[in-house]
Amino acid sequence: MSYAGKALSGAGLYFVIAIVVVYLCFCLWIGARSDKKTETVKEYFIANKSIGMFFLFFTCWGSFCGAGNFIGFAGSAAQNGIDAYWAYLGDAVLGYVVFSWLIAPHLAKFDYFTMPQYIAHRLCGNDTYVRRIGGLAAALCNIAISGIQMRGLAYLLNSFCGLNYYLSLFVAAGVLIVYTAMGGMSAVVQTDAIQGILQVIGTVLMICFGVGLMHCDIGWLTSSLREVDASLVTPFGHLSVRACISAFLTGFFGDLCNPIMWNRAFIAKDSKTASKCFKIATILGIVSTGIIMTFGLVAKVYNPEVADQATYWLVLNKMPYFMVPLMTLCFMGAIMSTADTHLNAGVANVVCDVIDPEEKMSVEKTLKLSKAACYICGGIGLLGAAVFPSILTLSFFGLTVAGATVFPIFVIGNLKRDKNDKEFRSNLSIHAVRIGMTVGAAVAVLFDLVPSLSAIAGGGILPGLVCTTVVTLICNQIFKPEYPIGGTETVANYEDHMVE
């Protein structure tokens, strides 16, 4: 377990503890307050598709940039040097841009609850198996990313307050799970507005002090890193070519199928609002993540032993002491905004996609089950946070499974679907999709978790993508499409979810 340095003591410690306690209590109060107002499933998962510019921007900004961006990427840079930027270029740059400019405005036309619901309903004839396998992939991604936020908050409590790491992890997970379970999307969006503002403040402060630490000189940073470890500034010095390419592809395809980005598009009140908010949040996310990632390299110069907690080490050891309480609050805002978002979306995957894809349960039963599922999903995220070696590895495992399983079907399904008919007609066989997604998901998991297989391809994203695509296309030649274009059959009770 990497440690960010000497914990706070004296009055500073008590002040930070007070901030943490008050903030966590505030989150619980918001959850309890929202719990009394939630009456429908649509409100619980997409806030009745009523989110305007102000709240949508901050929930996008807060959801996209959490522990993975501000702590995970910086920690990866400290550990792997410039090789870490491959993941950043695929994830925070190319993936964000493509999704925000091309995909988000399209998705905002619909009022689906989840990504698998869109895939199954709009592209695969409302097939429940497709929705379930997509729901499992998306849930795994959401739960993994909520787990890395728990880990990020546990790092904070451990590093700043000296609290035992595993006790910190349980405290962080407990508050996050309870307030997300109580309030659903309404609680998430309300807290995201406040947390997003805190995030902006923290980002500005980190950039101001971080630039000073590196003397505004990239040349100084490069030469200093070379003195610490020349491989940090050598291409493929810490990671193999295959691992770097895999990290790039995982970030890119994982972002395009990041369930939370789809969810934020679905909650937007219209496409115009989604387009503006996503683009602004994307630009800020690219710039802030890139700069703070570089500060991971700066931390490595000052402390060659620093690793996954590079960002926290800089705050504790290089920023003025009086700024630490404010940065504590800012970090908590960034972490909690991403954590509650992904946990809420993961619950939607489990309940709406895996358990009840036919959408037959009553509102009361769905809401009750959703709150119970929140505790279960949160517990799984907690387990992942305790087991995986770093924040970024856990995050990218989730993105690998979702990207490899869902993205090929999104592309193939849209190409083969009759776009001029509101009723479902397609030249894509649903049986082919079932087989392709199942094989692709299994291959992605195996190549990501089994060391001998991971060494072959650098990770699970490329093997998973190839298998899902190839198997689906081959099986599409074997099985006859159920609802061919030009045919007369339509899916029973097929409803159009377009709202514009």
Protein backbone atom coordinates (compact mmCIF):
# COMPACT_ATOMS: atom_id res chain seq x y z
CA MET A 1 0.00 0.00 0.00
CA SER A 2 1.61 3.26 -1.09
CA TYR A 3 1.44 6.05 1.43
CA ALA A 4 1.33 9.77 0.70
CA GLY A 5 3.62 10.85 3.53
CA LYS A 6 3.20 12.01 7.09
CA ALA A 7 -0.43 12.51 8.11
CA LEU A 8 -1.73 15.76 9.55
CA SER A 9 -1.57 16.42 13.27
CA GLY A 10 -2.78 18.91 15.87
CA ALA A 11 -5.36 21.55 14.97
CA GLY A 12 -4.99 20.87 11.25
CA LEU A 13 -5.96 17.24 11.72
CA TYR A 14 -9.05 18.07 13.77
CA PHE A 15 -10.11 20.72 11.26
CA VAL A 16 -9.83 18.27 8.37
CA ILE A 17 -11.73 15.59 10.32
CA ALA A 18 -14.49 18.11 11.01
CA ILE A 19 -14.68 18.96 7.31
CA VAL A 20 -14.89 15.28 6.37
CA VAL A 21 -17.61 14.51 8.92
CA VAL A 22 -19.74 17.55 8.03
CA TYR A 23 -19.43 16.86 4.30
CA LEU A 24 -20.34 13.19 4.59
CA CYS A 25 -23.32 14.08 6.80
CA PHE A 26 -24.41 16.62 4.19
CA CYS A 27 -24.38 13.91 1.50
CA LEU A 28 -26.49 11.64 3.71
CA TRP A 29 -28.96 14.48 4.33
CA ILE A 30 -29.34 15.09 0.60
CA GLY A 31 -29.97 11.38 0.07
CA ALA A 32 -32.63 11.25 2.82
CA ARG A 33 -34.28 14.41 1.51
CA SER A 34 -34.44 13.08 -2.06
CA ASP A 35 -35.67 9.69 -0.89
CA LYS A 36 -38.98 11.22 0.20
CA LYS A 37 -39.56 12.77 -3.22
CA THR A 38 -38.75 9.81 -5.50
CA GLU A 39 -41.96 8.29 -6.82
CA THR A 40 -41.13 6.75 -10.21
CA VAL A 41 -38.44 4.56 -11.73
CA LYS A 42 -37.76 7.19 -14.38
CA GLU A 43 -37.17 9.78 -11.68
CA TYR A 44 -34.91 7.45 -9.70
CA PHE A 45 -32.63 6.61 -12.65
CA ILE A 46 -32.77 9.59 -15.05
CA ALA A 47 -34.44 12.33 -12.96
CA ASN A 48 -37.45 12.42 -15.32
CA LYS A 49 -35.15 13.53 -18.18
CA SER A 50 -35.44 17.11 -16.98
CA ILE A 51 -31.83 18.17 -16.36
CA GLY A 52 -30.95 21.57 -17.83
CA MET A 53 -27.66 23.35 -18.57
CA PHE A 54 -26.47 24.21 -15.05
CA PHE A 55 -26.99 20.84 -13.38
CA LEU A 56 -26.10 18.84 -16.48
CA PHE A 57 -22.74 20.58 -16.89
CA PHE A 58 -21.71 20.02 -13.30
CA THR A 59 -22.93 16.44 -13.19
CA CYS A 60 -21.03 15.75 -16.45
CA TRP A 61 -17.89 17.48 -15.19
CA GLY A 62 -18.16 15.80 -11.80
CA SER A 63 -18.94 12.37 -13.25
CA PHE A 64 -16.21 12.35 -15.89
CA CYS A 65 -13.39 13.56 -13.63
CA GLY A 66 -13.05 11.79 -10.30
CA ALA A 67 -10.46 9.67 -8.54
CA GLY A 68 -9.40 8.08 -11.83
CA ASN A 69 -8.53 11.42 -13.42
CA PHE A 70 -7.10 13.35 -10.47
CA ILE A 71 -5.48 10.50 -8.55
CA GLY A 72 -5.31 7.42 -10.79
CA PHE A 73 -3.73 9.05 -13.86
CA ALA A 74 -1.24 11.02 -11.74
CA GLY A 75 -0.34 7.83 -9.87
CA SER A 76 0.06 5.95 -13.15
CA ALA A 77 2.38 8.68 -14.46
CA ALA A 78 4.49 8.46 -11.29
CA GLN A 79 4.75 4.69 -11.71
CA ASN A 80 5.07 4.36 -15.51
CA GLY A 81 6.41 7.72 -16.72
CA ILE A 82 5.44 8.92 -20.19
CA ASP A 83 4.06 5.48 -21.09
CA ALA A 84 1.06 6.35 -18.91
CA TYR A 85 -0.01 8.98 -21.45
CA TRP A 86 -1.18 6.30 -23.88
CA ALA A 87 -4.15 5.58 -21.63
CA TYR A 88 -4.78 9.32 -21.22
CA LEU A 89 -4.79 9.93 -25.00
CA GLY A 90 -7.25 7.10 -25.61
CA ASP A 91 -9.50 7.81 -22.63
CA ALA A 92 -9.54 11.47 -21.63
CA VAL A 93 -8.75 12.85 -25.09
CA LEU A 94 -9.99 10.84 -28.08
CA GLY A 95 -12.73 8.96 -26.25
CA TYR A 96 -14.17 12.11 -24.66
CA VAL A 97 -14.09 14.05 -27.94
CA VAL A 98 -15.73 11.39 -30.10
CA PHE A 99 -18.45 10.71 -27.56
CA SER A 100 -19.21 14.36 -26.80
CA TRP A 101 -19.25 15.58 -30.39
CA LEU A 102 -20.87 12.58 -32.13
CA ILE A 103 -22.66 10.23 -29.75
CA ALA A 104 -24.06 12.32 -26.88
CA PRO A 105 -26.35 14.55 -29.02
CA HIS A 106 -27.83 11.42 -30.63
CA LEU A 107 -28.44 9.63 -27.32
CA ALA A 108 -30.06 12.72 -25.78
CA LYS A 109 -33.00 12.19 -28.16
CA PHE A 110 -34.06 9.17 -26.10
CA ASP A 111 -35.33 8.57 -22.57
CA TYR A 112 -33.78 5.17 -21.96
CA PHE A 113 -32.54 4.40 -18.44
CA THR A 114 -29.41 2.49 -19.47
CA MET A 115 -27.01 1.75 -22.31
CA PRO A 116 -28.06 -1.95 -22.58
CA GLN A 117 -31.70 -0.88 -22.77
CA TYR A 118 -30.86 1.21 -25.86
CA ILE A 119 -28.78 -1.59 -27.41
CA ALA A 120 -31.40 -4.27 -26.84
CA HIS A 121 -34.52 -2.23 -27.53
CA ARG A 122 -33.42 -0.11 -30.45
CA LEU A 123 -30.93 -2.40 -32.18
CA CYS A 124 -31.83 -5.97 -31.22
CA GLY A 125 -35.61 -6.26 -31.21
CA ASN A 126 -35.96 -5.76 -27.44
CA ASP A 127 -34.24 -9.09 -26.85
CA THR A 128 -33.96 -9.81 -23.13
CA TYR A 129 -30.80 -11.95 -23.41
CA VAL A 130 -28.94 -9.16 -25.20
CA ARG A 131 -30.11 -6.72 -22.57
CA ARG A 132 -29.00 -9.01 -19.75
CA ILE A 133 -25.50 -9.68 -21.11
CA GLY A 134 -25.11 -5.98 -21.90
CA GLY A 135 -26.40 -5.17 -18.42
CA LEU A 136 -23.80 -7.42 -16.80
CA ALA A 137 -21.00 -5.78 -18.80
CA ALA A 138 -22.20 -2.27 -18.00
CA ALA A 139 -22.81 -3.08 -14.34
CA LEU A 140 -19.31 -4.49 -14.00
CA CYS A 141 -17.90 -1.27 -15.47
CA ASN A 142 -19.98 0.98 -13.21
CA ILE A 143 -19.27 -1.03 -10.08
CA ALA A 144 -15.53 -1.09 -10.82
CA ILE A 145 -15.42 2.69 -11.28
CA SER A 146 -17.46 3.28 -8.12
CA GLY A 147 -14.92 1.05 -6.39
CA ILE A 148 -11.99 3.21 -7.48
CA GLN A 149 -13.72 6.26 -5.97
CA MET A 150 -14.04 4.40 -2.67
CA ARG A 151 -10.33 3.69 -2.91
CA GLY A 152 -9.57 7.33 -3.68
CA LEU A 153 -11.53 8.54 -0.65
CA ALA A 154 -9.91 5.85 1.52
CA TYR A 155 -6.49 7.11 0.37
CA LEU A 156 -7.52 10.59 1.50
CA LEU A 157 -8.65 9.49 4.97
CA ASN A 158 -5.58 7.29 5.33
CA SER A 159 -3.05 9.86 4.12
CA PHE A 160 -4.46 13.07 5.55
CA CYS A 161 -5.92 11.79 8.82
CA GLY A 162 -3.76 8.74 9.51
CA LEU A 163 -6.83 6.49 9.67
CA ASN A 164 -6.19 2.81 8.98
CA TYR A 165 -6.53 2.23 5.22
CA TYR A 166 -9.07 -0.59 5.38
CA LEU A 167 -11.13 1.21 8.00
CA SER A 168 -11.02 4.26 5.73
CA LEU A 169 -12.25 2.12 2.87
CA PHE A 170 -15.23 0.87 4.85
CA VAL A 171 -16.15 4.39 6.02
CA ALA A 172 -15.91 5.79 2.47
CA ALA A 173 -17.94 2.95 0.99
CA GLY A 174 -20.57 3.07 3.72
CA VAL A 175 -21.49 6.73 3.30
CA LEU A 176 -21.37 6.58 -0.48
CA ILE A 177 -23.61 3.52 -0.69
CA VAL A 178 -26.19 4.75 1.82
CA TYR A 179 -26.79 8.18 0.35
CA THR A 180 -26.85 6.88 -3.24
CA ALA A 181 -29.35 4.17 -2.28
CA MET A 182 -31.67 6.60 -0.55
CA GLY A 183 -31.94 9.33 -3.13
CA GLY A 184 -31.25 7.93 -6.59
CA MET A 185 -30.49 10.28 -9.48
CA SER A 186 -32.11 13.31 -7.84
CA ALA A 187 -29.68 13.11 -4.93
CA VAL A 188 -26.77 12.47 -7.31
CA VAL A 189 -27.49 15.51 -9.49
CA GLN A 190 -28.03 17.84 -6.53
CA THR A 191 -24.77 16.88 -4.84
CA ASP A 192 -22.91 16.90 -8.17
CA ALA A 193 -23.65 20.61 -8.60
CA ILE A 194 -21.91 21.42 -5.33
CA GLN A 195 -19.20 18.84 -5.83
CA GLY A 196 -18.54 20.06 -9.35
CA ILE A 197 -17.91 23.59 -8.07
CA LEU A 198 -15.51 22.22 -5.45
CA GLN A 199 -13.81 20.26 -8.21
CA VAL A 200 -13.23 23.42 -10.25
CA ILE A 201 -11.70 25.16 -7.22
CA GLY A 202 -9.44 22.20 -6.45
CA THR A 203 -8.32 21.92 -10.06
CA VAL A 204 -7.37 25.60 -10.25
CA LEU A 205 -5.43 25.41 -6.98
CA MET A 206 -3.58 22.26 -8.03
CA ILE A 207 -2.60 23.77 -11.36
CA CYS A 208 -1.38 27.03 -9.80
CA PHE A 209 0.83 25.34 -7.23
CA GLY A 210 1.88 22.46 -9.49
CA VAL A 211 3.15 24.71 -12.26
CA GLY A 212 5.28 26.53 -9.70
CA LEU A 213 6.77 23.26 -8.45
CA MET A 214 8.00 22.39 -11.94
CA HIS A 215 9.31 25.95 -12.44
CA CYS A 216 7.14 26.32 -15.57
CA ASP A 217 9.86 24.33 -17.34
CA ILE A 218 9.24 21.02 -19.10
CA GLY A 219 12.97 20.76 -19.75
CA TRP A 220 13.65 20.84 -16.01
CA LEU A 221 11.04 18.13 -15.44
CA THR A 222 12.49 15.91 -18.17
CA SER A 223 16.07 16.19 -16.98
CA SER A 224 15.06 15.71 -13.34
CA LEU A 225 13.09 12.57 -14.19
CA ARG A 226 16.03 11.24 -16.15
CA GLU A 227 18.18 11.56 -13.04
CA VAL A 228 15.61 9.62 -11.00
CA ASP A 229 14.98 6.92 -13.61
CA ALA A 230 15.78 7.34 -17.32
CA SER A 231 13.09 4.83 -18.28
CA LEU A 232 10.42 7.28 -17.06
CA VAL A 233 11.08 9.51 -20.08
CA THR A 234 11.87 6.68 -22.51
CA PRO A 235 9.08 5.49 -24.81
CA PHE A 236 8.01 1.98 -23.75
CA GLY A 237 10.49 2.15 -20.90
CA HIS A 238 8.07 0.87 -18.26
CA LEU A 239 5.29 -0.67 -20.35
CA SER A 240 5.56 -2.86 -23.45
CA VAL A 241 4.34 -1.69 -26.84
CA ARG A 242 1.41 -4.09 -26.56
CA ALA A 243 0.49 -2.83 -23.11
CA CYS A 244 0.59 0.81 -24.29
CA ILE A 245 -1.58 0.11 -27.33
CA SER A 246 -3.99 -1.91 -25.20
CA ALA A 247 -4.20 0.97 -22.70
CA PHE A 248 -4.97 3.40 -25.53
CA LEU A 249 -7.68 1.16 -27.01
CA THR A 250 -9.17 0.39 -23.59
CA GLY A 251 -9.43 4.10 -22.82
CA PHE A 252 -10.94 4.90 -26.21
CA PHE A 253 -13.48 2.11 -26.62
CA GLY A 254 -14.16 2.02 -22.90
CA ASP A 255 -15.09 5.70 -22.94
CA LEU A 256 -17.38 5.25 -25.93
CA CYS A 257 -19.20 2.59 -23.92
CA ASN A 258 -18.75 4.11 -20.48
CA PRO A 259 -22.30 3.63 -19.13
CA ILE A 260 -22.20 6.85 -17.16
CA MET A 261 -21.57 8.95 -20.26
CA TRP A 262 -24.60 7.35 -21.88
CA ASN A 263 -26.63 7.96 -18.73
CA ARG A 264 -25.71 11.65 -18.67
CA ALA A 265 -26.87 11.97 -22.27
CA PHE A 266 -30.18 10.27 -21.43
CA ILE A 267 -30.92 12.62 -18.49
CA ALA A 268 -30.39 15.76 -20.61
CA LYS A 269 -33.64 17.51 -21.42
CA ASP A 270 -32.70 17.78 -25.12
CA SER A 271 -29.87 17.27 -27.64
CA LYS A 272 -28.82 20.92 -27.70
CA THR A 273 -28.31 20.96 -23.94
CA ALA A 274 -26.37 17.69 -24.07
CA SER A 275 -24.14 18.90 -26.91
CA LYS A 276 -23.12 22.12 -25.14
CA CYS A 277 -22.56 20.59 -21.71
CA PHE A 278 -20.65 17.58 -22.94
CA LYS A 279 -18.31 19.66 -25.08
CA ILE A 280 -17.49 22.11 -22.28
CA ALA A 281 -17.01 19.32 -19.73
CA THR A 282 -14.84 17.42 -22.21
CA ILE A 283 -12.50 20.33 -22.88
CA LEU A 284 -12.09 21.03 -19.17
CA GLY A 285 -11.57 17.33 -18.47
CA ILE A 286 -8.87 16.95 -21.14
CA VAL A 287 -6.92 20.00 -19.97
CA SER A 288 -7.21 19.41 -16.22
CA THR A 289 -6.46 15.67 -16.38
CA GLY A 290 -3.43 16.21 -18.61
CA ILE A 291 -1.96 18.87 -16.35
CA ILE A 292 -2.60 17.01 -13.08
CA MET A 293 -1.24 13.83 -14.66
CA THR A 294 2.00 15.72 -15.30
CA PHE A 295 2.10 16.61 -11.61
CA GLY A 296 2.42 12.89 -10.94
CA LEU A 297 5.78 13.15 -12.71
CA VAL A 298 6.62 16.20 -10.61
CA ALA A 299 5.88 14.24 -7.44
CA LYS A 300 8.19 11.49 -8.68
CA VAL A 301 11.03 14.01 -8.95
CA TYR A 302 10.59 15.18 -5.36
CA ASN A 303 9.89 11.70 -3.98
CA PRO A 304 11.10 8.74 -6.10
CA GLU A 305 9.16 6.34 -3.86
CA VAL A 306 5.76 7.91 -4.53
CA ALA A 307 3.25 5.85 -6.53
CA ASP A 308 -0.55 5.63 -6.64
CA GLN A 309 -0.98 8.54 -4.18
CA ALA A 310 1.23 11.04 -6.02
CA THR A 311 -1.45 13.75 -6.02
CA TYR A 312 -2.03 13.47 -2.29
CA TRP A 313 1.71 13.50 -1.61
CA LEU A 314 2.04 16.83 -3.41
CA VAL A 315 -0.80 18.36 -1.42
CA LEU A 316 0.49 17.14 1.94
CA ASN A 317 4.15 17.90 1.35
CA LYS A 318 4.39 20.78 -1.10
CA MET A 319 1.28 22.93 -0.78
CA PRO A 320 0.96 25.51 2.03
CA TYR A 321 -0.38 23.88 5.18
CA PHE A 322 -3.39 26.18 5.39
CA MET A 323 -4.54 25.00 1.93
CA VAL A 324 -4.80 21.34 2.91
CA PRO A 325 -8.31 21.55 4.47
CA LEU A 326 -9.67 23.26 1.35
CA MET A 327 -8.03 20.70 -0.91
CA THR A 328 -9.52 17.95 1.27
CA LEU A 329 -12.98 19.31 0.58
CA CYS A 330 -12.24 19.65 -3.14
CA PHE A 331 -10.95 16.09 -3.43
CA MET A 332 -13.99 14.76 -1.61
CA GLY A 333 -16.24 16.61 -4.02
CA ALA A 334 -14.46 15.17 -7.05
CA ILE A 335 -14.50 11.63 -5.69
CA MET A 336 -18.06 11.54 -4.36
CA SER A 337 -19.55 13.04 -7.54
CA THR A 338 -18.10 10.26 -9.66
CA ALA A 339 -18.76 7.52 -7.13
CA ASP A 340 -22.47 8.14 -6.61
CA THR A 341 -23.01 8.53 -10.34
CA HIS A 342 -21.50 5.18 -11.28
CA LEU A 343 -23.09 3.34 -8.40
CA ASN A 344 -26.54 4.65 -9.34
CA ALA A 345 -25.98 3.62 -12.96
CA GLY A 346 -24.69 0.19 -11.91
CA VAL A 347 -27.86 -0.38 -9.89
CA ALA A 348 -29.92 0.53 -12.96
CA ASN A 349 -28.02 -2.09 -14.96
CA VAL A 350 -28.59 -4.79 -12.35
CA VAL A 351 -32.28 -4.09 -11.71
CA CYS A 352 -33.59 -2.86 -15.07
CA ASP A 353 -31.33 -4.81 -17.43
CA VAL A 354 -30.41 -8.05 -15.65
CA ILE A 355 -33.28 -8.75 -13.24
CA ASP A 356 -36.27 -7.18 -15.00
CA PRO A 357 -35.50 -6.60 -18.71
CA GLU A 358 -39.19 -7.24 -19.50
CA GLU A 359 -40.04 -4.22 -17.30
CA LYS A 360 -42.88 -6.07 -15.58
CA MET A 361 -42.21 -5.15 -11.96
CA SER A 362 -44.26 -2.47 -10.24
CA VAL A 363 -42.74 0.91 -9.44
CA GLU A 364 -42.75 0.15 -5.72
CA LYS A 365 -41.01 -3.20 -6.15
CA THR A 366 -38.45 -1.75 -8.59
CA LEU A 367 -37.51 1.10 -6.24
CA LYS A 368 -37.30 -1.23 -3.25
CA LEU A 369 -35.16 -3.71 -5.18
CA SER A 370 -32.98 -0.87 -6.51
CA LYS A 371 -32.11 0.29 -3.02
CA ALA A 372 -31.23 -3.25 -1.97
CA ALA A 373 -29.16 -3.71 -5.13
CA CYS A 374 -27.27 -0.52 -4.32
CA TYR A 375 -25.92 -2.10 -1.14
CA ILE A 376 -24.94 -5.28 -2.99
CA CYS A 377 -23.28 -3.44 -5.88
CA GLY A 378 -21.53 -1.14 -3.43
CA GLY A 379 -20.21 -4.16 -1.55
CA ILE A 380 -18.80 -5.64 -4.76
CA GLY A 381 -17.18 -2.29 -5.58
CA LEU A 382 -15.66 -2.25 -2.10
CA LEU A 383 -14.21 -5.72 -2.69
CA GLY A 384 -12.68 -4.62 -5.99
CA ALA A 385 -11.17 -1.55 -4.32
CA ALA A 386 -9.54 -3.78 -1.72
CA VAL A 387 -8.18 -6.35 -4.19
CA PHE A 388 -6.95 -4.53 -7.32
CA PRO A 389 -3.38 -3.13 -7.20
CA SER A 390 -4.18 0.46 -8.19
CA ILE A 391 -6.98 2.86 -9.02
CA LEU A 392 -6.41 2.82 -12.77
CA THR A 393 -6.17 -0.96 -13.12
CA LEU A 394 -9.59 -1.43 -11.52
CA SER A 395 -11.11 1.33 -13.65
CA PHE A 396 -9.70 -0.03 -16.90
CA PHE A 397 -10.86 -3.56 -16.13
CA GLY A 398 -14.46 -2.30 -16.08
CA LEU A 399 -13.98 -0.23 -19.23
CA THR A 400 -12.43 -3.23 -21.01
CA VAL A 401 -15.46 -5.46 -20.53
CA ALA A 402 -17.99 -2.78 -21.51
CA GLY A 403 -16.01 -1.53 -24.50
CA ALA A 404 -15.27 -4.98 -25.91
CA THR A 405 -18.83 -6.23 -25.47
CA VAL A 406 -21.12 -3.34 -26.32
CA PHE A 407 -19.33 -1.05 -28.77
CA PRO A 408 -19.21 -3.51 -31.72
CA ILE A 409 -22.95 -4.15 -31.39
CA PHE A 410 -23.65 -0.41 -31.21
CA VAL A 411 -21.85 0.07 -34.54
CA ILE A 412 -23.08 -3.06 -36.34
CA GLY A 413 -26.63 -2.68 -35.03
CA ASN A 414 -26.94 0.92 -36.22
CA LEU A 415 -25.51 0.03 -39.64
CA LYS A 416 -27.98 -2.80 -40.17
CA ARG A 417 -31.07 -1.24 -38.61
CA ASP A 418 -33.70 0.40 -40.82
CA LYS A 419 -33.37 4.01 -39.69
CA ASN A 420 -36.43 5.19 -41.62
CA ASP A 421 -38.94 3.05 -39.77
CA LYS A 422 -39.96 3.56 -36.14
CA GLU A 423 -40.80 -0.12 -35.92
CA PHE A 424 -37.87 -2.48 -35.50
CA ARG A 425 -36.51 -3.95 -38.73
CA SER A 426 -32.91 -5.04 -39.18
CA ASN A 427 -30.65 -7.37 -41.12
CA LEU A 428 -28.79 -8.25 -37.94
CA SER A 429 -29.63 -11.62 -36.40
CA ILE A 430 -30.42 -11.42 -32.70
CA HIS A 431 -29.01 -14.94 -32.25
CA ALA A 432 -25.74 -13.70 -33.73
CA VAL A 433 -25.64 -10.81 -31.28
CA ARG A 434 -26.28 -13.13 -28.33
CA ILE A 435 -23.39 -15.39 -29.26
CA GLY A 436 -21.03 -12.55 -30.20
CA MET A 437 -21.54 -10.61 -26.97
CA THR A 438 -21.20 -13.73 -24.79
CA VAL A 439 -17.96 -14.85 -26.44
CA GLY A 440 -16.54 -11.31 -26.53
CA ALA A 441 -17.24 -10.68 -22.85
CA ALA A 442 -15.66 -13.99 -21.79
CA VAL A 443 -12.55 -13.39 -23.92
CA ALA A 444 -12.14 -9.80 -22.64
CA VAL A 445 -12.26 -10.94 -19.00
CA LEU A 446 -9.84 -13.83 -19.54
CA PHE A 447 -7.27 -11.76 -21.45
CA ASP A 448 -7.47 -9.02 -18.85
CA LEU A 449 -7.20 -11.11 -15.69
CA VAL A 450 -5.11 -14.15 -16.65
CA PRO A 451 -1.44 -13.02 -16.64
CA SER A 452 -0.27 -15.42 -19.37
CA LEU A 453 -3.06 -14.29 -21.71
CA SER A 454 -2.67 -10.62 -20.79
CA ALA A 455 1.01 -10.81 -21.77
CA ILE A 456 0.02 -11.89 -25.28
CA ALA A 457 -2.22 -8.91 -26.14
CA GLY A 458 -1.39 -6.43 -23.38
CA GLY A 459 -4.93 -6.70 -22.00
CA GLY A 460 -8.43 -7.82 -22.89
CA ILE A 461 -9.77 -4.97 -25.00
CA LEU A 462 -8.41 -5.97 -28.43
CA PRO A 463 -9.15 -9.72 -28.18
CA GLY A 464 -12.61 -8.94 -26.81
CA LEU A 465 -13.42 -6.42 -29.55
CA VAL A 466 -12.22 -8.75 -32.31
CA CYS A 467 -14.13 -11.74 -30.94
CA THR A 468 -17.39 -9.84 -30.46
CA THR A 469 -17.20 -8.37 -33.98
CA VAL A 470 -16.01 -11.45 -35.87
CA VAL A 471 -18.25 -13.95 -34.08
CA THR A 472 -21.31 -11.70 -34.53
CA LEU A 473 -20.68 -11.20 -38.26
CA ILE A 474 -19.98 -14.91 -38.89
CA CYS A 475 -23.07 -16.01 -36.95
CA ASN A 476 -25.10 -13.40 -38.85
CA GLN A 477 -24.36 -15.40 -42.00
CA ILE A 478 -25.57 -18.59 -40.32
CA PHE A 479 -28.73 -17.39 -38.58
CA LYS A 480 -31.53 -15.71 -40.47
CA PRO A 481 -32.36 -12.18 -39.22
CA GLU A 482 -35.60 -12.29 -37.22
CA TYR A 483 -36.90 -8.96 -38.48
CA PRO A 484 -35.32 -8.27 -41.89
CA ILE A 485 -35.54 -4.90 -43.56
CA GLY A 486 -38.44 -4.97 -45.94
CA GLY A 487 -40.20 -7.69 -43.93
CA THR A 488 -43.54 -7.40 -42.21
CA GLU A 489 -42.79 -8.60 -38.68
CA THR A 490 -42.38 -6.14 -35.82
CA VAL A 491 -41.51 -6.56 -32.18
CA ALA A 492 -44.55 -6.91 -29.96
CA ASN A 493 -45.28 -3.79 -27.90
CA TYR A 494 -42.32 -2.00 -29.49
CA GLU A 495 -42.38 1.59 -28.25
CA ASP A 496 -40.31 4.43 -29.56
CA HIS A 497 -38.33 6.10 -26.79
CA MET A 498 -37.51 9.19 -28.83
CA VAL A 499 -38.58 12.35 -27.02
CA GLU A 500 -37.74 14.93 -29.68
